[in-house]
Amino acid sequence: MRYKILFLLMFVLSVTFFGINITGAEPVPAKGGPFPEITLPVPEKAGEKEYLGLTGNKPFRISQIKADLVILEIFSMYCPYCQKEAPNVNELYQTVSKRAGVKDRIKIIGVGAGNTAFEIDVFRTQYDIRFPLFSDESFSIHKLVGEVRTPHFFVIRINADGSNTIVYSKVGSIEDSKQFLDMIIKESGLK
C-alpha cells in the first residue's frame, strides 16, 4: 500500500513540477510564436463574410482574414466570466469600428469551446454580438490552443507571407476597450 501511495505522490509531483501533459492538449500558444493553423467554416451571414474579407464558401484559416490583426476570443456560453465580458468585447468591437486607421485592419472573432451552433446563436442573441462567432463543439480548436480557461484572448498578427505571429495571449478580462486597443496596437507595431 505504501508503494502505491508513494507512486501516486511521485506521479502528481511529476505532473506539477515538470509540466507533464496528461490531457493530450497542445501547449498554450505563446506571444511571439505562431498561432495553430485552425480551419473555420465560412460564415453563412453575408455581412460576417464581408467583414472578414472572405470569398467563396470553403473553410478558411485565420491567415486568410483580410486584416493585419485578428483578435480571437475563446469563450463558452456557459462561462459566467465570458457572459460578464461580453459587453466589454462588444465595446471593443465598436471602438475598433469607429477608430480611423484601424477599423479595416483589425478584426474580431470568437470561438465557442464545446458550444454547438445553436448555443452560439443563443449567446450571440442574448449579448447582441456583432462580430463572427464559430462553434467548436468537438473542442478540437480548444485542444489545439492548450485547453485554455475562458475567456482567453489571442491577438494574431497576419504577416505578409501568410504566416502569423501571436502578439498577445492572456486569459481574463480586457476591462477597458480603449486601453486594450491602444496596448495591442503598440504591442503589434501597427501604425
Foldseek 3Di string as FASTA:
>chain_A
DVVVVVVVVVVVCCCVPVVDDPPLFDEADDFFDFQDFDWFFQDPDPVQNVLQPHDDGHIDTPLSRQAQKEKEWEAALPDVQVLVQLVVVQVLLVVQCPDPPRVSHYAYEYEHQLDDPVRVVVSCVVSVDDHYYGYPNVRPSCRHNPVDDPGWIWMWGNDPVSTIGTQDIGHGHPPHSVVSVVVSCVSVVPD
